[in-house]
Amino acid sequence: MIIVYLCSDKSRIKSFIIKITVMKNILFIVGSLRKQSFNRQLAGMAEKMLEGQFNIQYLDFEDVPLMNQDLEANTPAPVARVRKEVLAADGIWIFTPEYNYSYPGLLKNLLDWLSRPMDISDFTNPTAAVGKKVTASGAGGANQTASCRAKLNDLLEFMKMQVMKEPQTGIALGVEAWTKGEFNLTDEQVAQLKAQAEKFAAFVNA
C-alpha cells in the first residue's frame, strides 16, 4: 500500500491511499517435451481460465541433466535456473501424460532435482519445492491419467509440498484426438477444469 500526498495549494494537503495489487505467480510444468503435446494444449486451456488473475510462466526443463550426485557439488546451470523459477512461484500446476500407469521419466527426473537440498553441505537445508502449493491435471488414455496423478500426489507430498488433490482434472482422449493431434474439451470437461482452476486460485491466494 502506498500513501501519496497531493498539494492543491500551500495551505491544504490531501492524502490518498493507492492500493497496488501485485499478481502472484503460477508456474506451469508440462510433463511432455512434444511441442504440440495434448498436455501442453490442456495447459493452454487452463491458462486462459486464469488470465488476468496470475502471472503464468511455463517451466523449460528440457536441458536439465539426469540426476547424478556427482554433479551436485557444482550445480548445473539448468538445475539452478529451474530451482530459481520454482522458488519464485506462488503455485505450481503440473500437466502430465500417463506412461505405464505412472508419470514420465523426465518429470520424475525434474522432481528428483527439486527434492534435493539447495546446499548439499547441509542436508537440513530446504529444497526449492518444500512448502510450494501444487496441483495436477492430465490428458491421456481411458484411465484419464488417474494412476499417474495418484502416484504423483504421493511423491509431491513426500517432497513436503502442499498438494491440492481435489478437484483434479483427468481427460480421456478420443480416437479423433489421437488421429488429428489436437482435441477439444466437452462441456463437462470444461466445467471440470474450470472448477480446478477456481479452487487452485483460491488455494494459492489463501
Protein backbone atom coordinates (compact mmCIF):
# COMPACT_ATOMS: atom_id res chain seq x y z
CA MET A 1 0.00 0.00 0.00
CA ILE A 2 1.33 3.44 -0.93
CA ILE A 3 0.26 6.79 0.54
CA VAL A 4 0.52 9.66 -1.93
CA TYR A 5 0.31 13.29 -0.78
CA LEU A 6 -1.06 15.81 -3.24
CA CYS A 7 -0.76 19.55 -2.65
CA SER A 8 -3.59 21.59 -4.18
CA ASP A 9 -2.16 24.80 -2.72
CA LYS A 10 0.18 25.91 0.01
CA SER A 11 -2.46 25.76 2.72
CA ARG A 12 -4.10 22.41 2.00
CA ILE A 13 -2.62 18.97 1.66
CA LYS A 14 -4.72 15.98 0.64
CA SER A 15 -3.61 12.42 1.07
CA PHE A 16 -4.81 9.49 -0.97
CA ILE A 17 -4.19 5.82 -0.36
CA ILE A 18 -3.48 3.94 -3.56
CA LYS A 19 -3.80 0.20 -3.34
CA ILE A 20 -1.46 -1.64 -5.66
CA THR A 21 -2.26 -5.28 -6.25
CA VAL A 22 0.67 -7.44 -7.29
CA MET A 23 -0.42 -10.59 -9.09
CA LYS A 24 1.00 -13.83 -7.79
CA ASN A 25 3.00 -16.23 -9.95
CA ILE A 26 1.85 -19.66 -11.08
CA LEU A 27 4.35 -21.94 -12.75
CA PHE A 28 3.07 -24.48 -15.28
CA ILE A 29 5.05 -27.71 -15.65
CA VAL A 30 4.18 -29.84 -18.67
CA GLY A 31 5.37 -33.43 -18.38
CA SER A 32 5.89 -33.87 -22.12
CA LEU A 33 8.55 -32.35 -24.35
CA ARG A 34 6.46 -32.58 -27.52
CA LYS A 35 5.69 -29.04 -28.68
CA GLN A 36 2.04 -29.78 -29.50
CA SER A 37 1.52 -32.35 -26.77
CA PHE A 38 -2.01 -32.87 -25.50
CA ASN A 39 -0.96 -31.77 -22.04
CA ARG A 40 0.58 -28.57 -23.36
CA GLN A 41 -2.76 -27.94 -25.08
CA LEU A 42 -4.55 -28.62 -21.78
CA ALA A 43 -2.22 -26.19 -20.01
CA GLY A 44 -3.12 -23.53 -22.57
CA MET A 45 -6.80 -24.01 -21.79
CA ALA A 46 -6.14 -23.67 -18.06
CA GLU A 47 -4.02 -20.58 -18.69
CA LYS A 48 -6.99 -18.84 -20.32
CA MET A 49 -9.11 -19.62 -17.27
CA LEU A 50 -6.56 -17.90 -15.00
CA GLU A 51 -5.93 -14.99 -17.36
CA GLY A 52 -5.76 -11.64 -15.59
CA GLN A 53 -5.55 -13.27 -12.15
CA PHE A 54 -1.96 -14.52 -12.09
CA ASN A 55 1.33 -14.23 -13.90
CA ILE A 56 1.63 -17.56 -15.72
CA GLN A 57 5.02 -18.97 -16.70
CA TYR A 58 5.93 -22.31 -18.28
CA LEU A 59 8.95 -24.14 -16.90
CA ASP A 60 11.51 -25.04 -19.55
CA PHE A 61 13.42 -28.05 -18.24
CA GLU A 62 14.39 -29.89 -21.41
CA ASP A 63 18.08 -29.30 -20.71
CA VAL A 64 18.06 -30.50 -17.09
CA PRO A 65 20.56 -33.39 -16.88
CA LEU A 66 19.80 -36.78 -15.42
CA MET A 67 20.01 -36.70 -11.64
CA ASN A 68 23.59 -37.51 -10.68
CA GLN A 69 25.08 -36.82 -7.26
CA ASP A 70 28.47 -36.32 -8.91
CA LEU A 71 27.04 -33.11 -10.39
CA GLU A 72 25.67 -31.66 -7.17
CA ALA A 73 28.86 -30.06 -5.84
CA ASN A 74 28.74 -27.62 -8.76
CA THR A 75 25.06 -27.23 -9.50
CA PRO A 76 24.42 -27.46 -13.27
CA ALA A 77 23.15 -24.16 -14.70
CA PRO A 78 19.82 -25.66 -15.90
CA VAL A 79 19.16 -27.02 -12.40
CA ALA A 80 19.96 -23.67 -10.79
CA ARG A 81 17.61 -21.98 -13.28
CA VAL A 82 14.61 -24.27 -12.63
CA ARG A 83 15.14 -24.01 -8.87
CA LYS A 84 15.06 -20.23 -9.16
CA GLU A 85 11.80 -20.33 -11.13
CA VAL A 86 10.22 -22.74 -8.66
CA LEU A 87 11.27 -20.55 -5.73
CA ALA A 88 9.62 -17.55 -7.41
CA ALA A 89 6.32 -19.39 -7.88
CA ASP A 90 3.39 -19.00 -5.52
CA GLY A 91 1.75 -22.04 -7.04
CA ILE A 92 2.69 -24.87 -9.41
CA TRP A 93 0.31 -26.66 -11.77
CA ILE A 94 1.55 -29.88 -13.37
CA PHE A 95 0.04 -31.19 -16.61
CA THR A 96 1.22 -34.68 -17.38
CA PRO A 97 0.52 -37.71 -19.53
CA GLU A 98 0.43 -41.18 -18.03
CA TYR A 99 3.20 -43.59 -19.03
CA ASN A 100 2.75 -47.21 -17.96
CA TYR A 101 0.36 -46.24 -15.16
CA SER A 102 2.80 -43.68 -13.76
CA TYR A 103 4.40 -40.31 -14.53
CA PRO A 104 7.02 -39.78 -17.27
CA GLY A 105 10.70 -40.24 -16.50
CA LEU A 106 11.61 -36.68 -17.44
CA LEU A 107 9.11 -35.32 -14.89
CA LYS A 108 10.45 -37.67 -12.21
CA ASN A 109 13.98 -36.51 -13.02
CA LEU A 110 12.97 -32.87 -12.59
CA LEU A 111 11.28 -33.61 -9.28
CA ASP A 112 14.33 -35.59 -8.11
CA TRP A 113 16.47 -32.48 -8.60
CA LEU A 114 13.88 -30.28 -6.89
CA SER A 115 13.73 -32.67 -3.93
CA ARG A 116 17.43 -32.22 -3.18
CA PRO A 117 18.66 -29.55 -0.73
CA MET A 118 19.91 -26.45 -2.48
CA ASP A 119 23.04 -26.54 -0.33
CA ILE A 120 24.30 -30.12 -0.13
CA SER A 121 26.88 -29.25 2.52
CA ASP A 122 23.99 -29.40 5.00
CA PHE A 123 21.13 -31.78 4.24
CA THR A 124 18.87 -29.97 6.69
CA ASN A 125 18.76 -27.07 4.22
CA PRO A 126 15.46 -26.60 2.37
CA THR A 127 14.71 -27.70 -1.15
CA ALA A 128 13.28 -25.40 -3.81
CA ALA A 129 9.97 -27.28 -3.72
CA VAL A 130 9.27 -27.59 0.01
CA GLY A 131 6.06 -25.85 1.04
CA LYS A 132 5.02 -24.95 -2.51
CA LYS A 133 1.33 -25.20 -3.40
CA VAL A 134 0.76 -27.63 -6.25
CA THR A 135 -1.97 -29.38 -8.20
CA ALA A 136 -2.02 -31.73 -11.19
CA SER A 137 -4.07 -32.48 -14.29
CA GLY A 138 -3.58 -34.83 -17.19
CA ALA A 139 -4.79 -35.83 -20.63
CA GLY A 140 -4.25 -39.39 -21.80
CA GLY A 141 -5.96 -42.69 -22.44
CA ALA A 142 -9.07 -44.29 -20.98
CA ASN A 143 -7.59 -44.19 -17.48
CA GLN A 144 -7.75 -40.36 -17.55
CA THR A 145 -4.22 -40.27 -16.03
CA ALA A 146 -5.73 -41.38 -12.70
CA SER A 147 -2.90 -43.78 -11.80
CA CYS A 148 -0.28 -41.24 -12.79
CA ARG A 149 -1.84 -38.48 -10.71
CA ALA A 150 -2.33 -40.73 -7.67
CA LYS A 151 1.37 -41.67 -7.67
CA LEU A 152 2.36 -38.08 -8.41
CA ASN A 153 0.31 -36.78 -5.49
CA ASP A 154 2.11 -39.22 -3.19
CA LEU A 155 5.51 -38.10 -4.48
CA LEU A 156 4.69 -34.40 -4.13
CA GLU A 157 3.50 -34.93 -0.56
CA PHE A 158 6.70 -36.84 0.22
CA MET A 159 8.58 -33.78 -1.06
CA LYS A 160 6.68 -31.75 1.58
CA MET A 161 4.73 -29.74 -0.96
CA GLN A 162 1.16 -28.59 -0.27
CA VAL A 163 -0.87 -30.74 -2.66
CA MET A 164 -4.38 -29.85 -3.81
CA LYS A 165 -5.73 -33.32 -4.60
CA GLU A 166 -9.33 -32.35 -5.23
CA PRO A 167 -10.56 -31.39 -7.65
CA GLN A 168 -8.10 -32.54 -10.29
CA THR A 169 -8.81 -32.90 -14.00
CA GLY A 170 -8.32 -36.12 -15.94
CA ILE A 171 -9.11 -36.23 -19.66
CA ALA A 172 -9.67 -39.41 -21.69
CA LEU A 173 -8.70 -38.54 -25.25
CA GLY A 174 -10.87 -39.92 -28.03
CA VAL A 175 -9.81 -41.54 -31.29
CA GLU A 176 -10.13 -38.26 -33.17
CA ALA A 177 -7.61 -36.57 -30.88
CA TRP A 178 -5.01 -39.28 -31.45
CA THR A 179 -5.62 -39.02 -35.20
CA LYS A 180 -5.51 -35.24 -35.54
CA GLY A 181 -3.08 -34.44 -32.71
CA GLU A 182 -5.47 -31.97 -31.09
CA PHE A 183 -8.61 -32.07 -29.01
CA ASN A 184 -11.47 -30.00 -27.67
CA LEU A 185 -12.98 -30.28 -24.21
CA THR A 186 -16.58 -31.31 -23.76
CA ASP A 187 -18.82 -29.00 -21.71
CA GLU A 188 -18.42 -31.38 -18.77
CA GLN A 189 -14.62 -31.33 -19.09
CA VAL A 190 -14.60 -27.52 -19.35
CA ALA A 191 -16.58 -27.38 -16.10
CA GLN A 192 -14.17 -29.84 -14.50
CA LEU A 193 -11.09 -27.84 -15.50
CA LYS A 194 -12.74 -24.55 -14.51
CA ALA A 195 -13.60 -25.93 -11.08
CA GLN A 196 -9.97 -26.94 -10.58
CA ALA A 197 -8.71 -23.55 -11.77
CA GLU A 198 -11.04 -21.68 -9.40
CA LYS A 199 -10.16 -23.91 -6.44
CA PHE A 200 -6.44 -23.64 -7.15
CA ALA A 201 -6.68 -19.86 -7.48
CA ALA A 202 -8.29 -19.67 -4.05
CA PHE A 203 -5.71 -22.13 -2.68
CA VAL A 204 -2.79 -20.03 -3.95
CA ASN A 205 -4.32 -16.77 -2.72
CA ALA A 206 -5.16 -18.14 0.73
